[in-house]
Amino acid sequence: MRARASIVFCLAALLLGAAPVHAQTAAPDPTGSIAPASPSSAPRPAALKPLYGSFIVLQGLDLESTLRALDDHTGREGNPVMGGIAQSPGAFVAVKASVATGIIVLSERIRKRHPSMAVLTMIGLNATYAAIVAHNYAISR
């Protein structure tokens, strides 16, 4: 059950988060010369895709470790907002996938004008979730 929930979460997050991102091309100005692309089309920093991938993996690990702790009765969901949702694995997967997708979409929006801020935000979120996952697995030992 836990393994299936983790796999379903990862697939859902990948599918929902795989929205196409189109590069903006430079448009000719009235004089016929090519105008530079607007600042809102800043290239994606190379670190973002791996950070998105690791974020999705960490979300799956958080899901699996939380469900394991709930099944073993060795822990409980510490987030009061997710406490009731965590009792239903299907709803828990759906909410975690939606939140992960929303964070990635928001990061992409930030990236368009502030690429380094998007990278720093994802590094912070990955570090936070890595600590949460480590804590969850420590509790279930």
C-alpha atoms as a PDB file:
ATOM      1  CA  MET A   1       0.000   0.000   0.000  1.00  0.00           C
ATOM      2  CA  ARG A   2       2.719   2.507   0.994  1.00  0.00           C
ATOM      3  CA  ALA A   3       4.838   1.694  -2.045  1.00  0.00           C
ATOM      4  CA  ARG A   4       1.833   2.091  -4.341  1.00  0.00           C
ATOM      5  CA  ALA A   5       0.964   5.436  -2.772  1.00  0.00           C
ATOM      6  CA  SER A   6       4.536   6.674  -3.263  1.00  0.00           C
ATOM      7  CA  ILE A   7       4.592   5.541  -6.888  1.00  0.00           C
ATOM      8  CA  VAL A   8       1.194   7.097  -7.585  1.00  0.00           C
ATOM      9  CA  PHE A   9       2.343  10.343  -5.954  1.00  0.00           C
ATOM     10  CA  CYS A  10       5.557  10.515  -7.982  1.00  0.00           C
ATOM     11  CA  LEU A  11       3.754   9.780 -11.242  1.00  0.00           C
ATOM     12  CA  ALA A  12       1.004  12.297 -10.505  1.00  0.00           C
ATOM     13  CA  ALA A  13       3.510  14.982  -9.568  1.00  0.00           C
ATOM     14  CA  LEU A  14       5.559  14.341 -12.690  1.00  0.00           C
ATOM     15  CA  LEU A  15       2.512  14.370 -14.952  1.00  0.00           C
ATOM     16  CA  LEU A  16       0.935  17.425 -13.347  1.00  0.00           C
ATOM     17  CA  GLY A  17       4.243  19.250 -13.142  1.00  0.00           C
ATOM     18  CA  ALA A  18       5.220  18.511 -16.728  1.00  0.00           C
ATOM     19  CA  ALA A  19       3.478  21.558 -18.176  1.00  0.00           C
ATOM     20  CA  PRO A  20       5.245  22.725 -21.305  1.00  0.00           C
ATOM     21  CA  VAL A  21       7.348  25.825 -20.878  1.00  0.00           C
ATOM     22  CA  HIS A  22       7.756  27.796 -24.072  1.00  0.00           C
ATOM     23  CA  ALA A  23      10.682  30.071 -24.670  1.00  0.00           C
ATOM     24  CA  GLN A  24       9.848  33.541 -25.874  1.00  0.00           C
ATOM     25  CA  THR A  25      11.557  34.425 -29.114  1.00  0.00           C
ATOM     26  CA  ALA A  26      12.832  37.824 -30.026  1.00  0.00           C
ATOM     27  CA  ALA A  27      10.354  39.766 -32.152  1.00  0.00           C
ATOM     28  CA  PRO A  28      11.292  42.119 -34.966  1.00  0.00           C
ATOM     29  CA  ASP A  29      10.724  45.758 -34.121  1.00  0.00           C
ATOM     30  CA  PRO A  30       9.181  48.190 -36.673  1.00  0.00           C
ATOM     31  CA  THR A  31      12.622  49.006 -38.088  1.00  0.00           C
ATOM     32  CA  GLY A  32      13.165  45.368 -39.028  1.00  0.00           C
ATOM     33  CA  SER A  33      15.882  44.633 -36.483  1.00  0.00           C
ATOM     34  CA  ILE A  34      15.477  41.912 -33.906  1.00  0.00           C
ATOM     35  CA  ALA A  35      14.638  43.229 -30.444  1.00  0.00           C
ATOM     36  CA  PRO A  36      16.149  41.382 -27.489  1.00  0.00           C
ATOM     37  CA  ALA A  37      13.887  39.047 -25.594  1.00  0.00           C
ATOM     38  CA  SER A  38      12.100  40.590 -22.650  1.00  0.00           C
ATOM     39  CA  PRO A  39      13.473  40.057 -19.133  1.00  0.00           C
ATOM     40  CA  SER A  40      10.472  37.834 -18.365  1.00  0.00           C
ATOM     41  CA  SER A  41      11.982  35.173 -20.619  1.00  0.00           C
ATOM     42  CA  ALA A  42      15.145  34.661 -18.613  1.00  0.00           C
ATOM     43  CA  PRO A  43      16.632  31.238 -19.247  1.00  0.00           C
ATOM     44  CA  ARG A  44      16.010  28.553 -16.639  1.00  0.00           C
ATOM     45  CA  PRO A  45      19.052  28.094 -14.405  1.00  0.00           C
ATOM     46  CA  ALA A  46      20.580  24.642 -14.876  1.00  0.00           C
ATOM     47  CA  ALA A  47      20.064  23.829 -11.185  1.00  0.00           C
ATOM     48  CA  LEU A  48      16.274  24.160 -11.287  1.00  0.00           C
ATOM     49  CA  LYS A  49      15.366  20.917 -13.072  1.00  0.00           C
ATOM     50  CA  PRO A  50      17.382  18.733 -10.665  1.00  0.00           C
ATOM     51  CA  LEU A  51      15.953  20.724  -7.746  1.00  0.00           C
ATOM     52  CA  TYR A  52      12.433  20.088  -9.034  1.00  0.00           C
ATOM     53  CA  GLY A  53      13.219  16.398  -9.407  1.00  0.00           C
ATOM     54  CA  SER A  54      14.655  16.096  -5.922  1.00  0.00           C
ATOM     55  CA  PHE A  55      11.684  18.029  -4.534  1.00  0.00           C
ATOM     56  CA  ILE A  56       9.290  15.516  -6.091  1.00  0.00           C
ATOM     57  CA  VAL A  57      11.335  12.606  -4.717  1.00  0.00           C
ATOM     58  CA  LEU A  58      11.382  14.204  -1.246  1.00  0.00           C
ATOM     59  CA  GLN A  59       7.613  14.674  -1.377  1.00  0.00           C
ATOM     60  CA  GLY A  60       7.232  10.985  -2.212  1.00  0.00           C
ATOM     61  CA  LEU A  61       9.556  10.015   0.641  1.00  0.00           C
ATOM     62  CA  ASP A  62       7.652  12.269   3.028  1.00  0.00           C
ATOM     63  CA  LEU A  63       4.413  10.643   1.930  1.00  0.00           C
ATOM     64  CA  GLU A  64       5.802   7.122   2.326  1.00  0.00           C
ATOM     65  CA  SER A  65       7.455   7.783   5.685  1.00  0.00           C
ATOM     66  CA  THR A  66       4.341   9.482   7.063  1.00  0.00           C
ATOM     67  CA  LEU A  67       2.077   6.649   5.945  1.00  0.00           C
ATOM     68  CA  ARG A  68       4.532   4.123   7.409  1.00  0.00           C
ATOM     69  CA  ALA A  69       4.570   5.914  10.781  1.00  0.00           C
ATOM     70  CA  LEU A  70       0.770   6.078  10.782  1.00  0.00           C
ATOM     71  CA  ASP A  71       0.445   2.384   9.875  1.00  0.00           C
ATOM     72  CA  ASP A  72       2.983   1.315  12.529  1.00  0.00           C
ATOM     73  CA  HIS A  73       1.465   3.675  15.113  1.00  0.00           C
ATOM     74  CA  THR A  74       4.989   4.991  15.758  1.00  0.00           C
ATOM     75  CA  GLY A  75       4.135   8.564  14.845  1.00  0.00           C
ATOM     76  CA  ARG A  76       1.468  10.976  13.747  1.00  0.00           C
ATOM     77  CA  GLU A  77       1.123  13.710  11.160  1.00  0.00           C
ATOM     78  CA  GLY A  78       2.698  16.777  12.736  1.00  0.00           C
ATOM     79  CA  ASN A  79       1.067  19.295  10.391  1.00  0.00           C
ATOM     80  CA  PRO A  80      -2.384  20.087  11.839  1.00  0.00           C
ATOM     81  CA  VAL A  81      -3.718  21.001   8.388  1.00  0.00           C
ATOM     82  CA  MET A  82      -2.734  17.595   6.980  1.00  0.00           C
ATOM     83  CA  GLY A  83      -3.651  15.556  10.083  1.00  0.00           C
ATOM     84  CA  GLY A  84      -7.131  14.565   8.939  1.00  0.00           C
ATOM     85  CA  ILE A  85      -6.111  14.213   5.305  1.00  0.00           C
ATOM     86  CA  ALA A  86      -3.262  11.828   6.185  1.00  0.00           C
ATOM     87  CA  GLN A  87      -5.841   9.296   7.437  1.00  0.00           C
ATOM     88  CA  SER A  88      -6.941   8.768   3.824  1.00  0.00           C
ATOM     89  CA  PRO A  89      -3.963   7.718   1.659  1.00  0.00           C
ATOM     90  CA  GLY A  90      -5.739   8.661  -1.584  1.00  0.00           C
ATOM     91  CA  ALA A  91      -6.568  12.159  -0.394  1.00  0.00           C
ATOM     92  CA  PHE A  92      -3.085  12.504   1.087  1.00  0.00           C
ATOM     93  CA  VAL A  93      -1.484  11.605  -2.256  1.00  0.00           C
ATOM     94  CA  ALA A  94      -3.757  14.036  -4.117  1.00  0.00           C
ATOM     95  CA  VAL A  95      -3.046  16.927  -1.757  1.00  0.00           C
ATOM     96  CA  LYS A  96       0.724  16.290  -1.680  1.00  0.00           C
ATOM     97  CA  ALA A  97       0.835  16.056  -5.501  1.00  0.00           C
ATOM     98  CA  SER A  98      -1.205  19.246  -5.861  1.00  0.00           C
ATOM     99  CA  VAL A  99       0.930  21.182  -3.407  1.00  0.00           C
ATOM    100  CA  ALA A 100       4.183  19.947  -4.986  1.00  0.00           C
ATOM    101  CA  THR A 101       2.919  20.877  -8.447  1.00  0.00           C
ATOM    102  CA  GLY A 102       1.778  24.287  -7.241  1.00  0.00           C
ATOM    103  CA  ILE A 103       5.172  25.004  -5.699  1.00  0.00           C
ATOM    104  CA  ILE A 104       6.956  24.067  -8.919  1.00  0.00           C
ATOM    105  CA  VAL A 105       4.583  26.217 -10.988  1.00  0.00           C
ATOM    106  CA  LEU A 106       5.101  29.179  -8.632  1.00  0.00           C
ATOM    107  CA  SER A 107       8.854  28.647  -8.769  1.00  0.00           C
ATOM    108  CA  GLU A 108       8.687  28.781 -12.564  1.00  0.00           C
ATOM    109  CA  ARG A 109       6.769  32.060 -12.352  1.00  0.00           C
ATOM    110  CA  ILE A 110       9.375  33.494  -9.976  1.00  0.00           C
ATOM    111  CA  ARG A 111      12.147  32.208 -12.250  1.00  0.00           C
ATOM    112  CA  LYS A 112      11.018  34.358 -15.148  1.00  0.00           C
ATOM    113  CA  ARG A 113      12.041  37.576 -13.378  1.00  0.00           C
ATOM    114  CA  HIS A 114      14.236  36.367 -10.518  1.00  0.00           C
ATOM    115  CA  PRO A 115      16.080  33.183 -11.553  1.00  0.00           C
ATOM    116  CA  SER A 116      18.412  33.126  -8.557  1.00  0.00           C
ATOM    117  CA  MET A 117      15.498  33.596  -6.151  1.00  0.00           C
ATOM    118  CA  ALA A 118      13.763  30.557  -7.664  1.00  0.00           C
ATOM    119  CA  VAL A 119      16.917  28.466  -7.174  1.00  0.00           C
ATOM    120  CA  LEU A 120      17.373  29.654  -3.576  1.00  0.00           C
ATOM    121  CA  THR A 121      13.703  28.980  -2.796  1.00  0.00           C
ATOM    122  CA  MET A 122      13.922  25.433  -4.134  1.00  0.00           C
ATOM    123  CA  ILE A 123      17.178  24.807  -2.245  1.00  0.00           C
ATOM    124  CA  GLY A 124      15.466  25.955   0.957  1.00  0.00           C
ATOM    125  CA  LEU A 125      12.399  23.794   0.331  1.00  0.00           C
ATOM    126  CA  ASN A 126      14.534  20.756  -0.510  1.00  0.00           C
ATOM    127  CA  ALA A 127      16.607  21.220   2.639  1.00  0.00           C
ATOM    128  CA  THR A 128      13.475  21.574   4.754  1.00  0.00           C
ATOM    129  CA  TYR A 129      11.848  18.461   3.319  1.00  0.00           C
ATOM    130  CA  ALA A 130      15.099  16.493   3.601  1.00  0.00           C
ATOM    131  CA  ALA A 131      15.092  17.284   7.335  1.00  0.00           C
ATOM    132  CA  ILE A 132      11.406  16.315   7.615  1.00  0.00           C
ATOM    133  CA  VAL A 133      11.989  13.007   5.814  1.00  0.00           C
ATOM    134  CA  ALA A 134      15.047  12.220   7.949  1.00  0.00           C
ATOM    135  CA  HIS A 135      12.999  12.931  11.069  1.00  0.00           C
ATOM    136  CA  ASN A 136      10.125  10.747   9.848  1.00  0.00           C
ATOM    137  CA  TYR A 137      12.412   7.796   9.176  1.00  0.00           C
ATOM    138  CA  ALA A 138      14.172   8.273  12.530  1.00  0.00           C
ATOM    139  CA  ILE A 139      10.814   8.042  14.305  1.00  0.00           C
ATOM    140  CA  SER A 140       9.795   4.871  12.487  1.00  0.00           C
ATOM    141  CA  ARG A 141      13.033   3.004  13.430  1.00  0.00           C
END
